Amino acid sequence: MKKAIIGKKIGMTQIFDENGNVIPVTVIEAGPCVVAQKKTVEKDGYNALQLGFAEVKEKHLTKAEKGHFDAANVPMKKHLKEFRLDDCSANVGDFITVETFAAGDKVDVTGTTKGRGYTGAIKRWNLHMLGKTHGIGPIHRQSGSMGVIDPARIFKNKKMAGQYGNEQVTVQNLKVVKIDAEKNLIAIKGAIPGAKDGIVFIRDSVKA
């Protein structure tokens, strides 16, 4: 992996290519991100860059966070994320912009999905509903059989109701369709995880 950036999901729209085909895209406001820390093989055992994104007031940071930015002598940022990069040519204080990427690049996008609270098994696991006749009763949206009689208990990992959403998800091999360097925008084909204004991490695709 050689390129990475932090961004904020703006929303979805569609654009047209030179042949008039409609391309659904997600627009992301990516960067500029400041390099807050650089890790090397000699000192830390691996190469990585820690990027900061989004302006923040000093009063909203902890004393440790403020000290981290002061030591690096970089602007204070709201979000920090470390990316393991093979080519760490950037140094502390440099800015990573959306121009790092280009149209046609394949990227992996990581975001936090929308939280849906405590959810039934039908919605959470896409299970079949029970029959609506023959005396099923008011349990059409329940899981059905819980297993065999002999253990007299429910096995672990049984698909049941519970917390759904609000988890980190990565979508791989998405195509960069367009870059707007003036507005720090990147248009990526398809959908990405998360709600509008959610923070996402964009990096080179590992399986391209």
Protein backbone atom coordinates (compact mmCIF):
# COMPACT_ATOMS: atom_id res chain seq x y z
CA MET A 1 0.00 0.00 0.00
CA LYS A 2 1.42 3.36 -1.04
CA LYS A 3 -1.47 5.84 -0.78
CA ALA A 4 -4.04 6.61 1.89
CA ILE A 5 -6.21 9.49 3.06
CA ILE A 6 -9.00 10.27 5.53
CA GLY A 7 -12.29 11.73 4.33
CA LYS A 8 -15.89 12.56 5.15
CA LYS A 9 -18.79 11.01 3.26
CA ILE A 10 -20.89 13.68 1.56
CA GLY A 11 -23.50 11.50 -0.14
CA MET A 12 -24.36 9.73 -3.38
CA THR A 13 -25.11 11.06 -6.84
CA GLN A 14 -24.58 10.00 -10.44
CA ILE A 15 -22.37 11.22 -13.24
CA PHE A 16 -22.12 10.45 -16.94
CA ASP A 17 -19.04 9.13 -18.72
CA GLU A 18 -17.92 10.09 -22.21
CA ASN A 19 -20.23 7.45 -23.71
CA GLY A 20 -23.30 8.73 -21.87
CA ASN A 21 -23.45 5.85 -19.40
CA VAL A 22 -24.75 6.61 -15.91
CA ILE A 23 -22.27 5.87 -13.09
CA PRO A 24 -23.54 5.89 -9.48
CA VAL A 25 -20.87 7.45 -7.29
CA THR A 26 -20.27 8.32 -3.65
CA VAL A 27 -18.76 11.77 -3.12
CA ILE A 28 -16.17 12.06 -0.34
CA GLU A 29 -14.48 15.16 0.98
CA ALA A 30 -10.96 13.78 1.38
CA GLY A 31 -8.17 15.70 3.07
CA PRO A 32 -6.12 17.69 3.25
CA CYS A 33 -4.56 15.48 5.93
CA VAL A 34 -1.49 16.48 7.88
CA VAL A 35 1.22 13.93 8.73
CA ALA A 36 1.28 13.94 12.55
CA GLN A 37 3.73 11.08 13.03
CA LYS A 38 6.03 8.93 10.91
CA LYS A 39 7.09 5.43 11.90
CA THR A 40 10.05 3.60 10.37
CA VAL A 41 11.40 0.07 10.37
CA GLU A 42 14.57 1.17 12.19
CA LYS A 43 12.73 2.78 15.10
CA ASP A 44 9.31 1.12 15.26
CA GLY A 45 9.68 -2.10 13.27
CA TYR A 46 7.40 -1.07 10.39
CA ASN A 47 6.70 1.84 8.05
CA ALA A 48 3.59 3.90 8.70
CA LEU A 49 2.17 7.40 8.58
CA GLN A 50 -0.26 8.84 11.11
CA LEU A 51 -2.63 11.27 9.39
CA GLY A 52 -4.83 13.92 10.98
CA PHE A 53 -8.08 15.19 9.47
CA ALA A 54 -10.66 17.92 10.23
CA GLU A 55 -10.05 21.09 12.20
CA VAL A 56 -10.81 21.07 15.91
CA LYS A 57 -10.63 23.59 18.75
CA GLU A 58 -8.00 23.07 21.41
CA LYS A 59 -10.61 22.86 24.18
CA HIS A 60 -12.06 19.70 22.60
CA LEU A 61 -8.78 17.77 22.89
CA THR A 62 -7.33 15.99 25.88
CA LYS A 63 -4.02 17.12 27.35
CA ALA A 64 -2.32 14.05 25.86
CA GLU A 65 -3.72 14.74 22.39
CA LYS A 66 -2.66 18.39 22.56
CA GLY A 67 0.83 17.36 23.61
CA HIS A 68 1.04 14.94 20.69
CA PHE A 69 0.31 17.70 18.18
CA ASP A 70 2.58 20.20 19.94
CA ALA A 71 5.49 17.75 19.88
CA ALA A 72 5.04 17.25 16.14
CA ASN A 73 4.48 21.01 15.63
CA VAL A 74 1.48 20.38 13.37
CA PRO A 75 -2.09 21.81 13.37
CA MET A 76 -4.51 20.13 15.75
CA LYS A 77 -6.91 17.70 14.09
CA LYS A 78 -10.08 15.96 15.21
CA HIS A 79 -9.39 12.52 13.72
CA LEU A 80 -6.15 10.53 13.72
CA LYS A 81 -5.52 7.33 11.80
CA GLU A 82 -2.36 5.32 11.18
CA PHE A 83 -1.77 3.75 7.77
CA ARG A 84 0.94 1.20 7.06
CA LEU A 85 2.56 2.46 3.87
CA ASP A 86 5.38 0.81 1.95
CA ASP A 87 6.54 4.12 0.49
CA CYS A 88 6.74 6.70 3.27
CA SER A 89 8.30 9.60 1.37
CA ALA A 90 6.19 12.14 3.28
CA ASN A 91 7.50 13.63 6.49
CA VAL A 92 5.91 15.06 9.65
CA GLY A 93 4.17 18.32 8.80
CA ASP A 94 3.50 17.46 5.15
CA PHE A 95 -0.05 17.53 3.82
CA ILE A 96 -1.67 14.65 1.92
CA THR A 97 -4.27 15.89 -0.57
CA VAL A 98 -6.84 14.23 -2.77
CA GLU A 99 -4.48 14.67 -5.73
CA THR A 100 -2.59 11.67 -4.35
CA PHE A 101 -5.23 9.58 -6.12
CA ALA A 102 -6.21 9.67 -9.77
CA ALA A 103 -9.21 8.63 -11.85
CA GLY A 104 -9.08 4.91 -12.54
CA ASP A 105 -7.35 3.94 -9.30
CA LYS A 106 -8.71 0.97 -7.35
CA VAL A 107 -9.22 1.67 -3.64
CA ASP A 108 -10.52 0.06 -0.45
CA VAL A 109 -12.85 2.23 1.64
CA THR A 110 -13.42 1.61 5.36
CA GLY A 111 -16.31 3.16 7.27
CA THR A 112 -18.69 2.59 10.17
CA THR A 113 -22.11 1.30 9.16
CA LYS A 114 -25.33 2.87 10.36
CA GLY A 115 -26.37 1.63 13.79
CA ARG A 116 -29.82 0.00 13.86
CA GLY A 117 -30.05 -0.84 17.54
CA TYR A 118 -31.53 -4.08 18.89
CA THR A 119 -32.93 -5.82 15.81
CA GLY A 120 -34.91 -8.98 15.16
CA ALA A 121 -33.38 -12.00 13.44
CA ILE A 122 -35.31 -11.44 10.20
CA LYS A 123 -33.75 -8.02 9.59
CA ARG A 124 -30.40 -8.78 11.18
CA TRP A 125 -29.62 -12.07 9.44
CA ASN A 126 -32.07 -12.02 6.50
CA LEU A 127 -33.78 -15.21 7.70
CA HIS A 128 -36.98 -16.52 6.15
CA MET A 129 -40.25 -15.57 7.80
CA LEU A 130 -42.41 -18.34 9.20
CA GLY A 131 -45.64 -19.34 7.49
CA LYS A 132 -48.61 -17.03 7.89
CA THR A 133 -51.24 -19.80 8.09
CA HIS A 134 -51.80 -23.20 9.71
CA GLY A 135 -51.69 -22.00 13.28
CA ILE A 136 -48.26 -20.36 13.29
CA GLY A 137 -49.60 -17.63 15.57
CA PRO A 138 -48.07 -14.23 16.30
CA ILE A 139 -44.48 -15.35 15.77
CA HIS A 140 -44.06 -14.83 12.02
CA ARG A 141 -40.81 -12.88 12.45
CA GLN A 142 -39.11 -15.19 14.93
CA SER A 143 -36.18 -17.48 14.14
CA GLY A 144 -38.00 -20.80 14.27
CA SER A 145 -36.22 -23.89 15.55
CA MET A 146 -33.42 -23.29 18.05
CA GLY A 147 -31.81 -26.70 17.47
CA VAL A 148 -32.10 -30.32 18.63
CA ILE A 149 -33.55 -31.43 21.97
CA ASP A 150 -30.61 -33.43 23.35
CA PRO A 151 -28.21 -30.63 24.49
CA ALA A 152 -31.13 -28.74 26.10
CA ARG A 153 -29.39 -25.48 25.32
CA ILE A 154 -28.72 -23.13 22.41
CA PHE A 155 -25.35 -23.49 20.73
CA LYS A 156 -23.00 -20.54 20.43
CA ASN A 157 -23.12 -18.43 17.23
CA LYS A 158 -26.81 -19.13 16.72
CA LYS A 159 -28.27 -16.40 14.54
CA MET A 160 -30.64 -14.56 16.87
CA ALA A 161 -31.87 -11.06 17.58
CA GLY A 162 -29.40 -8.51 18.87
CA GLN A 163 -27.29 -5.46 18.09
CA TYR A 164 -27.14 -4.73 14.36
CA GLY A 165 -24.98 -2.19 12.57
CA ASN A 166 -22.50 0.32 14.01
CA GLU A 167 -19.50 -1.80 13.03
CA GLN A 168 -16.44 -1.21 10.90
CA VAL A 169 -16.81 -2.49 7.34
CA THR A 170 -14.40 -2.34 4.40
CA VAL A 171 -15.53 -2.41 0.77
CA GLN A 172 -12.75 -3.50 -1.57
CA ASN A 173 -11.81 -2.81 -5.19
CA LEU A 174 -13.84 0.33 -5.75
CA LYS A 175 -12.95 2.52 -8.72
CA VAL A 176 -12.08 6.20 -8.47
CA VAL A 177 -14.18 7.94 -11.12
CA LYS A 178 -13.31 11.61 -10.68
CA ILE A 179 -11.09 13.93 -8.65
CA ASP A 180 -11.85 17.59 -7.83
CA ALA A 181 -8.64 19.00 -6.37
CA GLU A 182 -10.02 22.51 -5.83
CA LYS A 183 -12.84 21.30 -3.55
CA ASN A 184 -10.95 18.30 -2.11
CA LEU A 185 -13.58 15.91 -3.48
CA ILE A 186 -13.21 12.35 -4.74
CA ALA A 187 -16.00 10.45 -6.52
CA ILE A 188 -15.89 6.67 -6.04
CA LYS A 189 -18.08 4.27 -8.00
CA GLY A 190 -20.69 2.47 -5.92
CA ALA A 191 -21.75 2.69 -2.29
CA ILE A 192 -19.54 2.84 0.78
CA PRO A 193 -20.39 2.09 4.44
CA GLY A 194 -21.74 4.72 6.79
CA ALA A 195 -24.14 7.63 7.02
CA LYS A 196 -23.64 11.10 5.58
CA ASP A 197 -20.84 13.05 7.28
CA GLY A 198 -19.34 9.75 8.48
CA ILE A 199 -15.55 9.46 8.58
CA VAL A 200 -14.06 7.02 6.06
CA PHE A 201 -10.54 5.79 5.32
CA ILE A 202 -9.43 5.44 1.71
CA ARG A 203 -6.35 3.43 0.72
CA ASP A 204 -4.89 1.49 -2.19
CA SER A 205 -6.71 -1.72 -2.93
CA VAL A 206 -4.86 -4.74 -1.57
CA LYS A 207 -6.43 -7.11 -4.11
CA ALA A 208 -6.39 -5.01 -7.27
